[in-house]
C-alpha atoms as a PDB file:
ATOM      1  CA  MET A   1      14.897  -3.686   8.047  1.00  0.00           C
ATOM      2  CA  ASP A   2      13.078  -5.256  10.961  1.00  0.00           C
ATOM      3  CA  LEU A   3       9.531  -5.523   9.580  1.00  0.00           C
ATOM      4  CA  ALA A   4       8.074  -6.729  12.873  1.00  0.00           C
ATOM      5  CA  ALA A   5       9.529  -3.717  14.714  1.00  0.00           C
ATOM      6  CA  VAL A   6       8.276  -1.194  12.158  1.00  0.00           C
ATOM      7  CA  ILE A   7       4.817  -2.691  11.738  1.00  0.00           C
ATOM      8  CA  GLY A   8       4.525  -3.330  15.475  1.00  0.00           C
ATOM      9  CA  ASP A   9       5.515   0.218  16.443  1.00  0.00           C
ATOM     10  CA  VAL A  10       3.566   2.107  13.787  1.00  0.00           C
ATOM     11  CA  GLY A  11       0.654  -0.330  13.814  1.00  0.00           C
ATOM     12  CA  GLY A  12       0.478  -0.175  17.598  1.00  0.00           C
ATOM     13  CA  PHE A  13       0.336   3.611  17.473  1.00  0.00           C
ATOM     14  CA  LEU A  14      -2.369   3.629  14.794  1.00  0.00           C
ATOM     15  CA  ASP A  15      -4.397   1.011  16.659  1.00  0.00           C
ATOM     16  CA  GLY A  16      -4.101   3.066  19.863  1.00  0.00           C
ATOM     17  CA  GLU A  17      -5.355   6.145  18.036  1.00  0.00           C
ATOM     18  CA  GLY A  18      -8.232   4.223  16.464  1.00  0.00           C
ATOM     19  CA  ILE A  19      -6.845   4.847  12.978  1.00  0.00           C
ATOM     20  CA  PRO A  20      -7.450   1.945  10.593  1.00  0.00           C
ATOM     21  CA  PHE A  21      -4.513   1.063   8.356  1.00  0.00           C
ATOM     22  CA  ALA A  22      -3.689  -1.520   5.750  1.00  0.00           C
ATOM     23  CA  ILE A  23      -0.448  -2.949   4.454  1.00  0.00           C
ATOM     24  CA  VAL A  24      -0.015  -2.321   0.727  1.00  0.00           C
ATOM     25  CA  GLY A  25       2.843  -2.706  -1.737  1.00  0.00           C
ATOM     26  CA  ALA A  26       5.204  -5.681  -1.766  1.00  0.00           C
ATOM     27  CA  LEU A  27       4.200  -6.902   1.695  1.00  0.00           C
ATOM     28  CA  ALA A  28       0.542  -7.034   0.658  1.00  0.00           C
ATOM     29  CA  LEU A  29       1.530  -9.001  -2.439  1.00  0.00           C
ATOM     30  CA  HIS A  30       3.489 -11.353  -0.177  1.00  0.00           C
ATOM     31  CA  SER A  31       0.301 -12.070   1.777  1.00  0.00           C
ATOM     32  CA  TYR A  32      -1.203 -13.348  -1.499  1.00  0.00           C
ATOM     33  CA  GLY A  33       1.800 -15.593  -2.203  1.00  0.00           C
ATOM     34  CA  TYR A  34       3.949 -13.341  -4.409  1.00  0.00           C
ATOM     35  CA  SER A  35       7.356 -12.551  -2.970  1.00  0.00           C
ATOM     36  CA  ARG A  36       9.739  -9.994  -4.313  1.00  0.00           C
ATOM     37  CA  ALA A  37      12.473  -7.960  -2.722  1.00  0.00           C
ATOM     38  CA  THR A  38      11.465  -4.818  -0.890  1.00  0.00           C
ATOM     39  CA  ASN A  39      13.270  -2.409   1.370  1.00  0.00           C
ATOM     40  CA  ASP A  40      10.307  -0.502   2.761  1.00  0.00           C
ATOM     41  CA  VAL A  41       6.926  -0.816   4.413  1.00  0.00           C
ATOM     42  CA  ASP A  42       3.952   0.617   2.540  1.00  0.00           C
ATOM     43  CA  LEU A  43       0.832   1.623   4.471  1.00  0.00           C
ATOM     44  CA  LEU A  44      -2.573   2.974   3.520  1.00  0.00           C
ATOM     45  CA  VAL A  45      -4.513   5.227   5.903  1.00  0.00           C
ATOM     46  CA  GLY A  46      -7.247   7.812   5.637  1.00  0.00           C
ATOM     47  CA  ALA A  47      -6.200  11.296   4.605  1.00  0.00           C
ATOM     48  CA  ASP A  48      -7.616  12.653   7.866  1.00  0.00           C
ATOM     49  CA  ALA A  49      -4.851  10.789   9.759  1.00  0.00           C
ATOM     50  CA  GLN A  50      -1.949  12.295   7.830  1.00  0.00           C
ATOM     51  CA  GLY A  51      -0.955  14.992  10.331  1.00  0.00           C
ATOM     52  CA  THR A  52      -1.229  12.671  13.328  1.00  0.00           C
ATOM     53  CA  LEU A  53       0.794   9.908  11.670  1.00  0.00           C
ATOM     54  CA  ILE A  54       3.544  12.183  10.379  1.00  0.00           C
ATOM     55  CA  ALA A  55       3.907  13.861  13.799  1.00  0.00           C
ATOM     56  CA  PHE A  56       4.270  10.398  15.380  1.00  0.00           C
ATOM     57  CA  LEU A  57       6.830   9.275  12.801  1.00  0.00           C
ATOM     58  CA  GLU A  58       8.919  12.433  13.186  1.00  0.00           C
ATOM     59  CA  HIS A  59       8.756  12.060  16.984  1.00  0.00           C
ATOM     60  CA  ARG A  60      10.119   8.512  16.513  1.00  0.00           C
ATOM     61  CA  GLY A  61      13.057   9.870  14.495  1.00  0.00           C
ATOM     62  CA  PHE A  62      11.806   9.359  10.948  1.00  0.00           C
ATOM     63  CA  GLU A  63      12.691  12.112   8.503  1.00  0.00           C
ATOM     64  CA  THR A  64       9.852  13.116   6.188  1.00  0.00           C
ATOM     65  CA  LEU A  65      11.393  12.976   2.706  1.00  0.00           C
ATOM     66  CA  TYR A  66       8.253  13.931   0.785  1.00  0.00           C
ATOM     67  CA  ARG A  67       4.702  14.916   1.633  1.00  0.00           C
ATOM     68  CA  SER A  68       1.671  15.622  -0.532  1.00  0.00           C
ATOM     69  CA  ASP A  69      -2.073  15.256   0.030  1.00  0.00           C
ATOM     70  CA  GLY A  70      -2.007  11.647  -1.169  1.00  0.00           C
ATOM     71  CA  TYR A  71       1.437  10.344  -0.270  1.00  0.00           C
ATOM     72  CA  SER A  72       4.380  10.679   2.086  1.00  0.00           C
ATOM     73  CA  ASN A  73       7.629   8.843   2.567  1.00  0.00           C
ATOM     74  CA  HIS A  74       9.845   8.665   5.598  1.00  0.00           C
ATOM     75  CA  LEU A  75      13.316   7.402   6.393  1.00  0.00           C
ATOM     76  CA  HIS A  76      14.747   6.470   9.761  1.00  0.00           C
ATOM     77  CA  PRO A  77      18.514   6.729  10.398  1.00  0.00           C
ATOM     78  CA  ASP A  78      18.428   3.273  12.002  1.00  0.00           C
ATOM     79  CA  PRO A  79      18.480   0.751   9.115  1.00  0.00           C
ATOM     80  CA  ALA A  80      16.370  -1.625  11.219  1.00  0.00           C
ATOM     81  CA  LEU A  81      13.504   0.883  10.966  1.00  0.00           C
ATOM     82  CA  GLY A  82      14.315   1.866   7.377  1.00  0.00           C
ATOM     83  CA  ARG A  83      11.835   3.456   5.020  1.00  0.00           C
ATOM     84  CA  LEU A  84       8.086   3.850   5.372  1.00  0.00           C
ATOM     85  CA  ASP A  85       5.814   5.006   2.544  1.00  0.00           C
ATOM     86  CA  VAL A  86       2.220   6.013   3.216  1.00  0.00           C
ATOM     87  CA  VAL A  87      -0.719   6.359   0.829  1.00  0.00           C
ATOM     88  CA  TYR A  88      -3.532   8.628   2.045  1.00  0.00           C
ATOM     89  CA  VAL A  89      -7.058   8.118   0.718  1.00  0.00           C
ATOM     90  CA  ASP A  90     -10.290  10.034   1.104  1.00  0.00           C
ATOM     91  CA  ARG A  91     -13.025   8.820   3.417  1.00  0.00           C
ATOM     92  CA  ALA A  92     -15.146   7.082   0.762  1.00  0.00           C
ATOM     93  CA  THR A  93     -12.142   5.235  -0.657  1.00  0.00           C
ATOM     94  CA  ARG A  94     -10.956   4.277   2.811  1.00  0.00           C
ATOM     95  CA  GLU A  95     -14.357   2.881   3.749  1.00  0.00           C
ATOM     96  CA  LYS A  96     -14.585   0.873   0.526  1.00  0.00           C
ATOM     97  CA  ILE A  97     -11.071  -0.547   0.841  1.00  0.00           C
ATOM     98  CA  PHE A  98     -11.464  -1.544   4.497  1.00  0.00           C
ATOM     99  CA  ALA A  99     -14.938  -3.008   3.962  1.00  0.00           C
ATOM    100  CA  GLU A 100     -13.466  -5.418   1.411  1.00  0.00           C
ATOM    101  CA  ALA A 101     -10.008  -5.976   2.951  1.00  0.00           C
ATOM    102  CA  ARG A 102      -8.961  -9.248   4.499  1.00  0.00           C
ATOM    103  CA  ARG A 103      -6.878  -9.882   7.597  1.00  0.00           C
ATOM    104  CA  ALA A 104      -3.540 -11.559   7.024  1.00  0.00           C
ATOM    105  CA  PRO A 105      -0.601 -12.437   9.267  1.00  0.00           C
ATOM    106  CA  LEU A 106       2.301 -10.096   8.512  1.00  0.00           C
ATOM    107  CA  ALA A 107       5.371  -9.599  10.676  1.00  0.00           C
ATOM    108  CA  GLY A 108       3.785 -11.362  13.618  1.00  0.00           C
ATOM    109  CA  ARG A 109       0.425  -9.587  13.672  1.00  0.00           C
ATOM    110  CA  MET A 110      -2.903  -9.777  11.895  1.00  0.00           C
ATOM    111  CA  THR A 111      -3.118  -6.819   9.564  1.00  0.00           C
ATOM    112  CA  ALA A 112      -5.620  -5.517   7.026  1.00  0.00           C
ATOM    113  CA  VAL A 113      -4.635  -6.134   3.398  1.00  0.00           C
ATOM    114  CA  PRO A 114      -6.711  -4.730   0.524  1.00  0.00           C
ATOM    115  CA  LYS A 115      -8.319  -7.155  -1.891  1.00  0.00           C
ATOM    116  CA  PRO A 116      -6.315  -7.867  -5.085  1.00  0.00           C
ATOM    117  CA  GLU A 117      -8.457  -5.573  -7.226  1.00  0.00           C
ATOM    118  CA  HIS A 118      -7.743  -2.613  -4.933  1.00  0.00           C
ATOM    119  CA  LEU A 119      -4.025  -3.394  -4.892  1.00  0.00           C
ATOM    120  CA  ALA A 120      -4.127  -3.434  -8.699  1.00  0.00           C
ATOM    121  CA  ALA A 121      -5.896  -0.048  -8.694  1.00  0.00           C
ATOM    122  CA  MET A 122      -3.106   1.448  -6.560  1.00  0.00           C
ATOM    123  CA  LYS A 123      -0.509   0.063  -8.940  1.00  0.00           C
ATOM    124  CA  VAL A 124      -2.363   1.469 -11.980  1.00  0.00           C
ATOM    125  CA  HIS A 125      -2.389   4.923 -10.395  1.00  0.00           C
ATOM    126  CA  ALA A 126       1.270   4.612  -9.408  1.00  0.00           C
ATOM    127  CA  MET A 127       2.221   3.796 -13.022  1.00  0.00           C
ATOM    128  CA  ARG A 128       0.225   6.744 -14.300  1.00  0.00           C
ATOM    129  CA  ASN A 129       1.983   9.075 -11.875  1.00  0.00           C
ATOM    130  CA  ASP A 130       5.473   7.577 -12.299  1.00  0.00           C
ATOM    131  CA  PRO A 131       6.088   5.805 -15.625  1.00  0.00           C
ATOM    132  CA  SER A 132       9.407   4.419 -14.347  1.00  0.00           C
ATOM    133  CA  ARG A 133       7.331   1.964 -12.280  1.00  0.00           C
ATOM    134  CA  VAL A 134       5.639   0.326 -15.279  1.00  0.00           C
ATOM    135  CA  PHE A 135       7.680  -2.882 -15.550  1.00  0.00           C
ATOM    136  CA  GLN A 136       7.559  -3.779 -11.855  1.00  0.00           C
ATOM    137  CA  ASP A 137       3.924  -2.768 -11.379  1.00  0.00           C
ATOM    138  CA  MET A 138       2.744  -4.573 -14.512  1.00  0.00           C
ATOM    139  CA  ALA A 139       4.348  -7.776 -13.222  1.00  0.00           C
ATOM    140  CA  ASP A 140       2.620  -7.272  -9.861  1.00  0.00           C
ATOM    141  CA  ILE A 141      -0.752  -6.644 -11.528  1.00  0.00           C
ATOM    142  CA  GLN A 142      -0.344  -9.686 -13.743  1.00  0.00           C
ATOM    143  CA  PHE A 143       0.142 -11.811 -10.616  1.00  0.00           C
ATOM    144  CA  LEU A 144      -2.947 -10.252  -8.998  1.00  0.00           C
ATOM    145  CA  MET A 145      -5.037 -10.830 -12.128  1.00  0.00           C
ATOM    146  CA  ASN A 146      -4.216 -14.546 -12.020  1.00  0.00           C
ATOM    147  CA  LEU A 147      -5.397 -15.090  -8.445  1.00  0.00           C
ATOM    148  CA  PRO A 148      -8.518 -17.266  -8.168  1.00  0.00           C
ATOM    149  CA  GLY A 149     -11.774 -15.308  -8.069  1.00  0.00           C
ATOM    150  CA  VAL A 150     -10.307 -11.931  -9.015  1.00  0.00           C
ATOM    151  CA  ASP A 151     -12.743  -9.626 -10.815  1.00  0.00           C
ATOM    152  CA  LEU A 152     -10.905  -8.828 -14.051  1.00  0.00           C
ATOM    153  CA  GLU A 153     -13.639  -6.438 -15.148  1.00  0.00           C
ATOM    154  CA  GLU A 154     -13.068  -4.339 -12.028  1.00  0.00           C
ATOM    155  CA  ILE A 155      -9.342  -4.206 -12.738  1.00  0.00           C
ATOM    156  CA  ARG A 156     -10.062  -3.306 -16.380  1.00  0.00           C
ATOM    157  CA  ARG A 157     -12.178  -0.355 -15.193  1.00  0.00           C
ATOM    158  CA  TYR A 158      -9.288   0.918 -13.053  1.00  0.00           C
ATOM    159  CA  PHE A 159      -7.021   0.859 -16.101  1.00  0.00           C
ATOM    160  CA  GLN A 160      -9.691   2.553 -18.209  1.00  0.00           C
ATOM    161  CA  ASP A 161     -10.357   5.259 -15.616  1.00  0.00           C
ATOM    162  CA  ALA A 162      -6.618   6.012 -15.516  1.00  0.00           C
ATOM    163  CA  GLY A 163      -6.377   6.257 -19.306  1.00  0.00           C
ATOM    164  CA  GLN A 164      -4.232   3.108 -19.376  1.00  0.00           C
ATOM    165  CA  LEU A 165      -6.576   0.572 -20.994  1.00  0.00           C
ATOM    166  CA  GLU A 166      -3.930  -0.511 -23.512  1.00  0.00           C
ATOM    167  CA  ARG A 167      -1.783  -1.745 -20.603  1.00  0.00           C
ATOM    168  CA  PHE A 168      -4.654  -3.921 -19.359  1.00  0.00           C
ATOM    169  CA  HIS A 169      -4.926  -5.515 -22.802  1.00  0.00           C
ATOM    170  CA  GLU A 170      -1.188  -6.283 -22.662  1.00  0.00           C
ATOM    171  CA  LEU A 171      -1.848  -8.373 -19.549  1.00  0.00           C
ATOM    172  CA  GLU A 172      -4.949 -10.232 -20.725  1.00  0.00           C
END
């Protein structure tokens, strides 16, 4: 997968449309110094941009593999463009995430990356929705929890709100 091509193309489109986006998933973790293998690009955008983004992706040749109110994933037949997963959030969540995001260099461009606590929240919700993700996501959250200045109480609340407090205690 050519990360610069994917992020440049999709990011350029979103920028042109005035749609804020953030990199999440493994690439966001990489921006904090944690590298692990990945074969996709994960984005976060507002739910109000879903139709516009999916129409663009399909026009570019991506096949929509799955679509719900909060998530979609797409696959391009060209391996250089690969797989793109998108998380859609409501307006209030979007505003909070972007207000506290930082800019980081990824694939040759400065891109918004959510703060560690918000990345942990996404991972907590992913584990709740798909228990097969627990081992990988717990390792990711453990890394995030050990970053300097991270608000562990905020992360604990995300676990508690998801009914997963026992998992937080496993990581303490």
